Each structure stands twice: as structure tokens, then as C-alpha cells.
Amino acid sequence: MHNIKFWFARGSCSLATHTLLHESGLPFTPIEISVQKQETQSASFSRINPKRRVPVLSVDDVVMTETPAIAFAISQRVPEKGLLGVSDLDKVRVLEWMC
């Protein structure tokens, strides 16, 4: 099993990724940070994501950022769920929606 960590902030665009993680059924460690308290600007968070924003996903210490990339990474781990579509056209439409 992979060690998955997810950094998120309430009220941010990390909600979609958070929902997708729950739908995937993959076990993960949620790590809430506060944008209002400027925790994304801290030196410790900057070492995780130099872009200083959420969402951030870490799988076995490999860090990923940006919602479309993270969504793709999650969906690859549970292809049987079809989280980002089943047909090629479904997948295209999901990418359109995310962009």
C-alpha cells in the first residue's frame, strides 16, 4: 500500500481533489492548512510545494501539485472506478471541465 498525504485548505480549490480521494477509497492522511493564517507561505510548506498553494498530494514522498495532475494520479490508482471517465470521449470531457 502507498503512503498518501494530502494537503488542503477549507474553502479552496482543493475540495475537488479531496472529494476524489474519498471517492477513490484509497487510504490517505489529510493535512489541513490555513490560507487565512498564511500557512501556505511558511518555510516548511514551501519545502513541500514551492508554489505555496494547495492542493498538494504526496505518494511515497513524490509530490504532485495542481488539481488536474493530482486527479489524474488518483484515477490511475483505481482505474476500475472510472473516476475521470470510462470512454475516451468521457476523459476528454473531464479535461475540458477541469480546465
PDB file of N, CA and C in Angstrom:
ATOM      1  N   MET A   1       0.848  -1.184   0.000  1.00  0.00           N
ATOM      2  CA  MET A   1       0.000   0.000   0.000  1.00  0.00           C
ATOM      3  C   MET A   1       0.891   1.243   0.000  1.00  0.00           C
ATOM      4  N   HIS A   2       0.428   2.256  -0.684  1.00  0.00           N
ATOM      5  CA  HIS A   2       1.190   3.503  -0.800  1.00  0.00           C
ATOM      6  C   HIS A   2       0.916   4.417   0.392  1.00  0.00           C
ATOM      7  N   ASN A   3       1.917   5.232   0.711  1.00  0.00           N
ATOM      8  CA  ASN A   3       1.777   6.253   1.742  1.00  0.00           C
ATOM      9  C   ASN A   3       1.333   7.539   1.048  1.00  0.00           C
ATOM     10  N   ILE A   4       0.049   7.891   1.227  1.00  0.00           N
ATOM     11  CA  ILE A   4      -0.519   9.053   0.547  1.00  0.00           C
ATOM     12  C   ILE A   4      -0.832  10.136   1.574  1.00  0.00           C
ATOM     13  N   LYS A   5      -0.322  11.340   1.310  1.00  0.00           N
ATOM     14  CA  LYS A   5      -0.618  12.510   2.136  1.00  0.00           C
ATOM     15  C   LYS A   5      -1.258  13.564   1.244  1.00  0.00           C
ATOM     16  N   PHE A   6      -2.222  14.274   1.826  1.00  0.00           N
ATOM     17  CA  PHE A   6      -2.953  15.283   1.054  1.00  0.00           C
ATOM     18  C   PHE A   6      -3.043  16.569   1.852  1.00  0.00           C
ATOM     19  N   TRP A   7      -2.459  17.638   1.327  1.00  0.00           N
ATOM     20  CA  TRP A   7      -2.531  18.959   1.946  1.00  0.00           C
ATOM     21  C   TRP A   7      -3.682  19.720   1.303  1.00  0.00           C
ATOM     22  N   PHE A   8      -4.524  20.298   2.141  1.00  0.00           N
ATOM     23  CA  PHE A   8      -5.695  21.015   1.643  1.00  0.00           C
ATOM     24  C   PHE A   8      -6.012  22.190   2.557  1.00  0.00           C
ATOM     25  N   ALA A   9      -6.856  23.086   2.060  1.00  0.00           N
ATOM     26  CA  ALA A   9      -7.353  24.206   2.854  1.00  0.00           C
ATOM     27  C   ALA A   9      -8.856  24.304   2.623  1.00  0.00           C
ATOM     28  N   ARG A  10      -9.586  24.515   3.691  1.00  0.00           N
ATOM     29  CA  ARG A  10     -11.038  24.667   3.572  1.00  0.00           C
ATOM     30  C   ARG A  10     -11.350  25.886   2.714  1.00  0.00           C
ATOM     31  N   GLY A  11     -12.380  25.739   1.878  1.00  0.00           N
ATOM     32  CA  GLY A  11     -12.811  26.847   1.035  1.00  0.00           C
ATOM     33  C   GLY A  11     -11.929  27.102  -0.168  1.00  0.00           C
ATOM     34  N   SER A  12     -11.013  26.204  -0.452  1.00  0.00           N
ATOM     35  CA  SER A  12     -10.115  26.394  -1.594  1.00  0.00           C
ATOM     36  C   SER A  12     -10.466  25.397  -2.700  1.00  0.00           C
ATOM     37  N   CYS A  13      -9.739  25.472  -3.787  1.00  0.00           N
ATOM     38  CA  CYS A  13      -9.973  24.555  -4.900  1.00  0.00           C
ATOM     39  C   CYS A  13      -9.528  23.131  -4.579  1.00  0.00           C
ATOM     40  N   SER A  14      -8.994  22.896  -3.411  1.00  0.00           N
ATOM     41  CA  SER A  14      -8.597  21.538  -3.026  1.00  0.00           C
ATOM     42  C   SER A  14      -9.800  20.653  -2.717  1.00  0.00           C
ATOM     43  N   LEU A  15     -11.003  21.228  -2.653  1.00  0.00           N
ATOM     44  CA  LEU A  15     -12.208  20.450  -2.361  1.00  0.00           C
ATOM     45  C   LEU A  15     -12.437  19.350  -3.398  1.00  0.00           C
ATOM     46  N   ALA A  16     -12.259  19.651  -4.670  1.00  0.00           N
ATOM     47  CA  ALA A  16     -12.478  18.647  -5.726  1.00  0.00           C
ATOM     48  C   ALA A  16     -11.537  17.461  -5.542  1.00  0.00           C
ATOM     49  N   THR A  17     -10.285  17.740  -5.259  1.00  0.00           N
ATOM     50  CA  THR A  17      -9.310  16.670  -5.049  1.00  0.00           C
ATOM     51  C   THR A  17      -9.644  15.872  -3.800  1.00  0.00           C
ATOM     52  N   HIS A  18     -10.049  16.560  -2.756  1.00  0.00           N
ATOM     53  CA  HIS A  18     -10.415  15.901  -1.502  1.00  0.00           C
ATOM     54  C   HIS A  18     -11.585  14.940  -1.736  1.00  0.00           C
ATOM     55  N   THR A  19     -12.578  15.392  -2.482  1.00  0.00           N
ATOM     56  CA  THR A  19     -13.735  14.559  -2.810  1.00  0.00           C
ATOM     57  C   THR A  19     -13.306  13.347  -3.629  1.00  0.00           C
ATOM     58  N   LEU A  20     -12.448  13.565  -4.603  1.00  0.00           N
ATOM     59  CA  LEU A  20     -11.966  12.472  -5.443  1.00  0.00           C
ATOM     60  C   LEU A  20     -11.210  11.430  -4.618  1.00  0.00           C
ATOM     61  N   LEU A  21     -10.413  11.875  -3.679  1.00  0.00           N
ATOM     62  CA  LEU A  21      -9.709  10.929  -2.800  1.00  0.00           C
ATOM     63  C   LEU A  21     -10.692  10.072  -2.016  1.00  0.00           C
ATOM     64  N   HIS A  22     -11.723  10.697  -1.479  1.00  0.00           N
ATOM     65  CA  HIS A  22     -12.732   9.921  -0.742  1.00  0.00           C
ATOM     66  C   HIS A  22     -13.440   8.934  -1.667  1.00  0.00           C
ATOM     67  N   GLU A  23     -13.793   9.373  -2.872  1.00  0.00           N
ATOM     68  CA  GLU A  23     -14.463   8.501  -3.836  1.00  0.00           C
ATOM     69  C   GLU A  23     -13.575   7.339  -4.273  1.00  0.00           C
ATOM     70  N   SER A  24     -12.264   7.567  -4.286  1.00  0.00           N
ATOM     71  CA  SER A  24     -11.329   6.526  -4.716  1.00  0.00           C
ATOM     72  C   SER A  24     -11.270   5.366  -3.728  1.00  0.00           C
ATOM     73  N   GLY A  25     -11.526   5.663  -2.454  1.00  0.00           N
ATOM     74  CA  GLY A  25     -11.406   4.641  -1.430  1.00  0.00           C
ATOM     75  C   GLY A  25      -9.971   4.397  -0.988  1.00  0.00           C
ATOM     76  N   LEU A  26      -9.035   5.153  -1.537  1.00  0.00           N
ATOM     77  CA  LEU A  26      -7.632   4.998  -1.148  1.00  0.00           C
ATOM     78  C   LEU A  26      -7.407   5.564   0.247  1.00  0.00           C
ATOM     79  N   PRO A  27      -6.642   4.874   1.078  1.00  0.00           N
ATOM     80  CA  PRO A  27      -6.330   5.441   2.385  1.00  0.00           C
ATOM     81  C   PRO A  27      -5.332   6.592   2.225  1.00  0.00           C
ATOM     82  N   PHE A  28      -5.588   7.690   2.926  1.00  0.00           N
ATOM     83  CA  PHE A  28      -4.687   8.841   2.836  1.00  0.00           C
ATOM     84  C   PHE A  28      -4.703   9.603   4.155  1.00  0.00           C
ATOM     85  N   THR A  29      -3.661  10.382   4.354  1.00  0.00           N
ATOM     86  CA  THR A  29      -3.555  11.232   5.527  1.00  0.00           C
ATOM     87  C   THR A  29      -3.872  12.662   5.108  1.00  0.00           C
ATOM     88  N   PRO A  30      -4.994  13.229   5.579  1.00  0.00           N
ATOM     89  CA  PRO A  30      -5.305  14.616   5.249  1.00  0.00           C
ATOM     90  C   PRO A  30      -4.526  15.568   6.168  1.00  0.00           C
ATOM     91  N   ILE A  31      -3.986  16.620   5.582  1.00  0.00           N
ATOM     92  CA  ILE A  31      -3.243  17.616   6.337  1.00  0.00           C
ATOM     93  C   ILE A  31      -3.855  18.977   6.011  1.00  0.00           C
ATOM     94  N   GLU A  32      -4.614  19.497   6.956  1.00  0.00           N
ATOM     95  CA  GLU A  32      -5.283  20.780   6.730  1.00  0.00           C
ATOM     96  C   GLU A  32      -4.350  21.926   7.078  1.00  0.00           C
ATOM     97  N   ILE A  33      -4.295  22.896   6.178  1.00  0.00           N
ATOM     98  CA  ILE A  33      -3.550  24.120   6.455  1.00  0.00           C
ATOM     99  C   ILE A  33      -4.471  25.296   6.187  1.00  0.00           C
ATOM    100  N   SER A  34      -4.124  26.430   6.749  1.00  0.00           N
ATOM    101  CA  SER A  34      -4.974  27.612   6.632  1.00  0.00           C
ATOM    102  C   SER A  34      -4.340  28.648   5.709  1.00  0.00           C
ATOM    103  N   VAL A  35      -5.079  28.984   4.658  1.00  0.00           N
ATOM    104  CA  VAL A  35      -4.643  30.057   3.770  1.00  0.00           C
ATOM    105  C   VAL A  35      -4.779  31.392   4.500  1.00  0.00           C
ATOM    106  N   GLN A  36      -5.876  31.531   5.275  1.00  0.00           N
ATOM    107  CA  GLN A  36      -6.122  32.781   6.003  1.00  0.00           C
ATOM    108  C   GLN A  36      -4.999  33.093   6.991  1.00  0.00           C
ATOM    109  N   LYS A  37      -4.445  32.054   7.607  1.00  0.00           N
ATOM    110  CA  LYS A  37      -3.342  32.256   8.553  1.00  0.00           C
ATOM    111  C   LYS A  37      -1.992  32.251   7.846  1.00  0.00           C
ATOM    112  N   GLN A  38      -2.016  32.234   6.520  1.00  0.00           N
ATOM    113  CA  GLN A  38      -0.826  32.270   5.669  1.00  0.00           C
ATOM    114  C   GLN A  38       0.118  31.086   5.893  1.00  0.00           C
ATOM    115  N   GLU A  39      -0.449  29.942   6.262  1.00  0.00           N
ATOM    116  CA  GLU A  39       0.373  28.748   6.464  1.00  0.00           C
ATOM    117  C   GLU A  39       0.967  28.237   5.155  1.00  0.00           C
ATOM    118  N   THR A  40       0.334  28.575   4.029  1.00  0.00           N
ATOM    119  CA  THR A  40       0.905  28.167   2.736  1.00  0.00           C
ATOM    120  C   THR A  40       2.176  28.964   2.417  1.00  0.00           C
ATOM    121  N   GLN A  41       2.378  30.061   3.115  1.00  0.00           N
ATOM    122  CA  GLN A  41       3.559  30.892   2.890  1.00  0.00           C
ATOM    123  C   GLN A  41       4.726  30.534   3.808  1.00  0.00           C
ATOM    124  N   SER A  42       4.523  29.572   4.691  1.00  0.00           N
ATOM    125  CA  SER A  42       5.569  29.211   5.652  1.00  0.00           C
ATOM    126  C   SER A  42       6.735  28.506   4.961  1.00  0.00           C
ATOM    127  N   ALA A  43       7.880  28.556   5.596  1.00  0.00           N
ATOM    128  CA  ALA A  43       9.076  27.892   5.060  1.00  0.00           C
ATOM    129  C   ALA A  43       8.869  26.377   4.997  1.00  0.00           C
ATOM    130  N   SER A  44       8.192  25.817   5.998  1.00  0.00           N
ATOM    131  CA  SER A  44       8.001  24.363   5.991  1.00  0.00           C
ATOM    132  C   SER A  44       7.092  23.926   4.843  1.00  0.00           C
ATOM    133  N   PHE A  45       6.018  24.666   4.566  1.00  0.00           N
ATOM    134  CA  PHE A  45       5.151  24.308   3.451  1.00  0.00           C
ATOM    135  C   PHE A  45       5.847  24.587   2.121  1.00  0.00           C
ATOM    136  N   SER A  46       6.633  25.624   2.044  1.00  0.00           N
ATOM    137  CA  SER A  46       7.358  25.961   0.825  1.00  0.00           C
ATOM    138  C   SER A  46       8.320  24.838   0.424  1.00  0.00           C
ATOM    139  N   ARG A  47       8.839  24.105   1.404  1.00  0.00           N
ATOM    140  CA  ARG A  47       9.709  22.959   1.095  1.00  0.00           C
ATOM    141  C   ARG A  47       8.887  21.833   0.452  1.00  0.00           C
ATOM    142  N   ILE A  48       7.622  21.735   0.804  1.00  0.00           N
ATOM    143  CA  ILE A  48       6.735  20.727   0.209  1.00  0.00           C
ATOM    144  C   ILE A  48       6.304  21.178  -1.173  1.00  0.00           C
ATOM    145  N   ASN A  49       5.841  22.428  -1.271  1.00  0.00           N
ATOM    146  CA  ASN A  49       5.392  22.987  -2.551  1.00  0.00           C
ATOM    147  C   ASN A  49       5.902  24.419  -2.692  1.00  0.00           C
ATOM    148  N   PRO A  50       6.952  24.601  -3.477  1.00  0.00           N
ATOM    149  CA  PRO A  50       7.500  25.946  -3.670  1.00  0.00           C
ATOM    150  C   PRO A  50       6.494  26.927  -4.272  1.00  0.00           C
ATOM    151  N   LYS A  51       5.413  26.419  -4.896  1.00  0.00           N
ATOM    152  CA  LYS A  51       4.372  27.295  -5.437  1.00  0.00           C
ATOM    153  C   LYS A  51       3.534  27.910  -4.317  1.00  0.00           C
ATOM    154  N   ARG A  52       3.627  27.312  -3.136  1.00  0.00           N
ATOM    155  CA  ARG A  52       2.955  27.809  -1.923  1.00  0.00           C
ATOM    156  C   ARG A  52       1.444  27.868  -2.042  1.00  0.00           C
ATOM    157  N   ARG A  53       0.876  26.814  -2.609  1.00  0.00           N
ATOM    158  CA  ARG A  53      -0.584  26.741  -2.682  1.00  0.00           C
ATOM    159  C   ARG A  53      -1.035  25.280  -2.616  1.00  0.00           C
ATOM    160  N   VAL A  54      -2.305  25.104  -2.339  1.00  0.00           N
ATOM    161  CA  VAL A  54      -2.908  23.779  -2.294  1.00  0.00           C
ATOM    162  C   VAL A  54      -3.784  23.601  -3.529  1.00  0.00           C
ATOM    163  N   PRO A  55      -4.076  22.380  -3.900  1.00  0.00           N
ATOM    164  CA  PRO A  55      -3.796  21.126  -3.223  1.00  0.00           C
ATOM    165  C   PRO A  55      -2.398  20.596  -3.527  1.00  0.00           C
ATOM    166  N   VAL A  56      -1.948  19.723  -2.619  1.00  0.00           N
ATOM    167  CA  VAL A  56      -0.692  19.004  -2.799  1.00  0.00           C
ATOM    168  C   VAL A  56      -0.953  17.555  -2.426  1.00  0.00           C
ATOM    169  N   LEU A  57      -0.472  16.647  -3.251  1.00  0.00           N
ATOM    170  CA  LEU A  57      -0.572  15.224  -2.975  1.00  0.00           C
ATOM    171  C   LEU A  57       0.825  14.649  -2.962  1.00  0.00           C
ATOM    172  N   SER A  58       1.103  13.829  -1.979  1.00  0.00           N
ATOM    173  CA  SER A  58       2.376  13.136  -1.889  1.00  0.00           C
ATOM    174  C   SER A  58       2.087  11.640  -1.860  1.00  0.00           C
ATOM    175  N   VAL A  59       2.675  10.913  -2.796  1.00  0.00           N
ATOM    176  CA  VAL A  59       2.547   9.462  -2.833  1.00  0.00           C
ATOM    177  C   VAL A  59       3.952   8.887  -2.694  1.00  0.00           C
ATOM    178  N   ASP A  60       4.174   8.211  -1.570  1.00  0.00           N
ATOM    179  CA  ASP A  60       5.512   7.666  -1.283  1.00  0.00           C
ATOM    180  C   ASP A  60       6.583   8.737  -1.441  1.00  0.00           C
ATOM    181  N   ASP A  61       6.302   9.925  -0.912  1.00  0.00           N
ATOM    182  CA  ASP A  61       7.214  11.074  -0.901  1.00  0.00           C
ATOM    183  C   ASP A  61       7.444  11.716  -2.267  1.00  0.00           C
ATOM    184  N   VAL A  62       6.689  11.322  -3.291  1.00  0.00           N
ATOM    185  CA  VAL A  62       6.721  12.011  -4.585  1.00  0.00           C
ATOM    186  C   VAL A  62       5.598  13.043  -4.549  1.00  0.00           C
ATOM    187  N   VAL A  63       5.963  14.315  -4.647  1.00  0.00           N
ATOM    188  CA  VAL A  63       4.998  15.408  -4.503  1.00  0.00           C
ATOM    189  C   VAL A  63       4.416  15.794  -5.849  1.00  0.00           C
ATOM    190  N   MET A  64       3.081  15.971  -5.846  1.00  0.00           N
ATOM    191  CA  MET A  64       2.353  16.404  -7.037  1.00  0.00           C
ATOM    192  C   MET A  64       1.521  17.624  -6.681  1.00  0.00           C
ATOM    193  N   THR A  65       1.404  18.545  -7.626  1.00  0.00           N
ATOM    194  CA  THR A  65       0.598  19.741  -7.426  1.00  0.00           C
ATOM    195  C   THR A  65      -0.333  19.934  -8.622  1.00  0.00           C
ATOM    196  N   GLU A  66      -1.290  20.821  -8.467  1.00  0.00           N
ATOM    197  CA  GLU A  66      -2.264  21.208  -9.484  1.00  0.00           C
ATOM    198  C   GLU A  66      -3.361  20.154  -9.598  1.00  0.00           C
ATOM    199  N   THR A  67      -4.589  20.615  -9.503  1.00  0.00           N
ATOM    200  CA  THR A  67      -5.761  19.738  -9.465  1.00  0.00           C
ATOM    201  C   THR A  67      -5.839  18.743 -10.622  1.00  0.00           C
ATOM    202  N   PRO A  68      -5.680  19.146 -11.890  1.00  0.00           N
ATOM    203  CA  PRO A  68      -5.785  18.153 -12.961  1.00  0.00           C
ATOM    204  C   PRO A  68      -4.740  17.033 -12.845  1.00  0.00           C
ATOM    205  N   ALA A  69      -3.516  17.381 -12.491  1.00  0.00           N
ATOM    206  CA  ALA A  69      -2.463  16.374 -12.362  1.00  0.00           C
ATOM    207  C   ALA A  69      -2.740  15.435 -11.196  1.00  0.00           C
ATOM    208  N   ILE A  70      -3.173  15.984 -10.080  1.00  0.00           N
ATOM    209  CA  ILE A  70      -3.479  15.167  -8.909  1.00  0.00           C
ATOM    210  C   ILE A  70      -4.675  14.261  -9.199  1.00  0.00           C
ATOM    211  N   ALA A  71      -5.700  14.797  -9.845  1.00  0.00           N
ATOM    212  CA  ALA A  71      -6.875  13.990 -10.191  1.00  0.00           C
ATOM    213  C   ALA A  71      -6.477  12.824 -11.089  1.00  0.00           C
ATOM    214  N   PHE A  72      -5.614  13.083 -12.047  1.00  0.00           N
ATOM    215  CA  PHE A  72      -5.131  12.030 -12.941  1.00  0.00           C
ATOM    216  C   PHE A  72      -4.371  10.966 -12.155  1.00  0.00           C
ATOM    217  N   ALA A  73      -3.503  11.388 -11.242  1.00  0.00           N
ATOM    218  CA  ALA A  73      -2.723  10.449 -10.433  1.00  0.00           C
ATOM    219  C   ALA A  73      -3.630   9.569  -9.576  1.00  0.00           C
ATOM    220  N   ILE A  74      -4.645  10.165  -8.985  1.00  0.00           N
ATOM    221  CA  ILE A  74      -5.586   9.391  -8.162  1.00  0.00           C
ATOM    222  C   ILE A  74      -6.336   8.393  -9.034  1.00  0.00           C
ATOM    223  N   SER A  75      -6.841   8.849 -10.161  1.00  0.00           N
ATOM    224  CA  SER A  75      -7.637   7.968 -11.026  1.00  0.00           C
ATOM    225  C   SER A  75      -6.816   6.797 -11.556  1.00  0.00           C
ATOM    226  N   GLN A  76      -5.532   6.987 -11.764  1.00  0.00           N
ATOM    227  CA  GLN A  76      -4.669   5.905 -12.236  1.00  0.00           C
ATOM    228  C   GLN A  76      -4.534   4.787 -11.205  1.00  0.00           C
ATOM    229  N   ARG A  77      -4.679   5.115  -9.928  1.00  0.00           N
ATOM    230  CA  ARG A  77      -4.531   4.116  -8.876  1.00  0.00           C
ATOM    231  C   ARG A  77      -5.770   3.246  -8.701  1.00  0.00           C
ATOM    232  N   VAL A  78      -6.913   3.717  -9.223  1.00  0.00           N
ATOM    233  CA  VAL A  78      -8.153   2.937  -9.138  1.00  0.00           C
ATOM    234  C   VAL A  78      -8.885   3.002 -10.484  1.00  0.00           C
ATOM    235  N   PRO A  79      -8.273   2.486 -11.552  1.00  0.00           N
ATOM    236  CA  PRO A  79      -8.871   2.607 -12.883  1.00  0.00           C
ATOM    237  C   PRO A  79     -10.247   1.959 -12.989  1.00  0.00           C
ATOM    238  N   GLU A  80     -10.494   0.944 -12.173  1.00  0.00           N
ATOM    239  CA  GLU A  80     -11.781   0.248 -12.211  1.00  0.00           C
ATOM    240  C   GLU A  80     -12.947   1.146 -11.808  1.00  0.00           C
ATOM    241  N   LYS A  81     -12.666   2.256 -11.135  1.00  0.00           N
ATOM    242  CA  LYS A  81     -13.720   3.175 -10.697  1.00  0.00           C
ATOM    243  C   LYS A  81     -14.110   4.186 -11.777  1.00  0.00           C
ATOM    244  N   GLY A  82     -13.288   4.343 -12.801  1.00  0.00           N
ATOM    245  CA  GLY A  82     -13.611   5.277 -13.882  1.00  0.00           C
ATOM    246  C   GLY A  82     -13.824   6.701 -13.397  1.00  0.00           C
ATOM    247  N   LEU A  83     -13.020   7.126 -12.443  1.00  0.00           N
ATOM    248  CA  LEU A  83     -13.226   8.435 -11.819  1.00  0.00           C
ATOM    249  C   LEU A  83     -13.110   9.606 -12.789  1.00  0.00           C
ATOM    250  N   LEU A  84     -12.293   9.468 -13.804  1.00  0.00           N
ATOM    251  CA  LEU A  84     -12.147  10.546 -14.784  1.00  0.00           C
ATOM    252  C   LEU A  84     -12.721  10.136 -16.130  1.00  0.00           C
ATOM    253  N   GLY A  85     -13.724   9.291 -16.094  1.00  0.00           N
ATOM    254  CA  GLY A  85     -14.381   8.855 -17.314  1.00  0.00           C
ATOM    255  C   GLY A  85     -13.990   7.441 -17.696  1.00  0.00           C
ATOM    256  N   VAL A  86     -14.810   6.850 -18.542  1.00  0.00           N
ATOM    257  CA  VAL A  86     -14.562   5.487 -18.998  1.00  0.00           C
ATOM    258  C   VAL A  86     -14.132   5.493 -20.461  1.00  0.00           C
ATOM    259  N   SER A  87     -14.924   6.115 -21.311  1.00  0.00           N
ATOM    260  CA  SER A  87     -14.575   6.162 -22.734  1.00  0.00           C
ATOM    261  C   SER A  87     -13.564   7.285 -22.978  1.00  0.00           C
ATOM    262  N   ASP A  88     -12.949   7.247 -24.137  1.00  0.00           N
ATOM    263  CA  ASP A  88     -12.010   8.317 -24.497  1.00  0.00           C
ATOM    264  C   ASP A  88     -12.707   9.671 -24.507  1.00  0.00           C
ATOM    265  N   LEU A  89     -13.937   9.718 -25.021  1.00  0.00           N
ATOM    266  CA  LEU A  89     -14.672  10.982 -25.052  1.00  0.00           C
ATOM    267  C   LEU A  89     -15.001  11.460 -23.637  1.00  0.00           C
ATOM    268  N   ASP A  90     -15.356  10.531 -22.745  1.00  0.00           N
ATOM    269  CA  ASP A  90     -15.592  10.897 -21.342  1.00  0.00           C
ATOM    270  C   ASP A  90     -14.363  11.594 -20.767  1.00  0.00           C
ATOM    271  N   LYS A  91     -13.207  11.027 -21.024  1.00  0.00           N
ATOM    272  CA  LYS A  91     -11.956  11.563 -20.478  1.00  0.00           C
ATOM    273  C   LYS A  91     -11.661  12.955 -21.041  1.00  0.00           C
ATOM    274  N   VAL A  92     -11.960  13.146 -22.314  1.00  0.00           N
ATOM    275  CA  VAL A  92     -11.795  14.463 -22.936  1.00  0.00           C
ATOM    276  C   VAL A  92     -12.716  15.477 -22.253  1.00  0.00           C
ATOM    277  N   ARG A  93     -13.962  15.083 -22.026  1.00  0.00           N
ATOM    278  CA  ARG A  93     -14.933  15.991 -21.403  1.00  0.00           C
ATOM    279  C   ARG A  93     -14.510  16.350 -19.975  1.00  0.00           C
ATOM    280  N   VAL A  94     -13.959  15.395 -19.257  1.00  0.00           N
ATOM    281  CA  VAL A  94     -13.485  15.670 -17.894  1.00  0.00           C
ATOM    282  C   VAL A  94     -12.349  16.694 -17.944  1.00  0.00           C
ATOM    283  N   LEU A  95     -11.424  16.536 -18.871  1.00  0.00           N
ATOM    284  CA  LEU A  95     -10.334  17.509 -19.004  1.00  0.00           C
ATOM    285  C   LEU A  95     -10.882  18.891 -19.368  1.00  0.00           C
ATOM    286  N   GLU A  96     -11.873  18.939 -20.249  1.00  0.00           N
ATOM    287  CA  GLU A  96     -12.498  20.228 -20.582  1.00  0.00           C
ATOM    288  C   GLU A  96     -13.073  20.878 -19.325  1.00  0.00           C
ATOM    289  N   TRP A  97     -13.767  20.086 -18.540  1.00  0.00           N
ATOM    290  CA  TRP A  97     -14.400  20.577 -17.313  1.00  0.00           C
ATOM    291  C   TRP A  97     -13.356  21.114 -16.332  1.00  0.00           C
ATOM    292  N   MET A  98     -12.238  20.401 -16.192  1.00  0.00           N
ATOM    293  CA  MET A  98     -11.212  20.820 -15.237  1.00  0.00           C
ATOM    294  C   MET A  98     -10.493  22.090 -15.676  1.00  0.00           C
ATOM    295  N   CYS A  99     -10.429  22.308 -16.976  1.00  0.00           N
ATOM    296  CA  CYS A  99      -9.713  23.484 -17.461  1.00  0.00           C
ATOM    297  C   CYS A  99     -10.639  24.674 -17.598  1.00  0.00           C
TER     298      CYS A  99
END
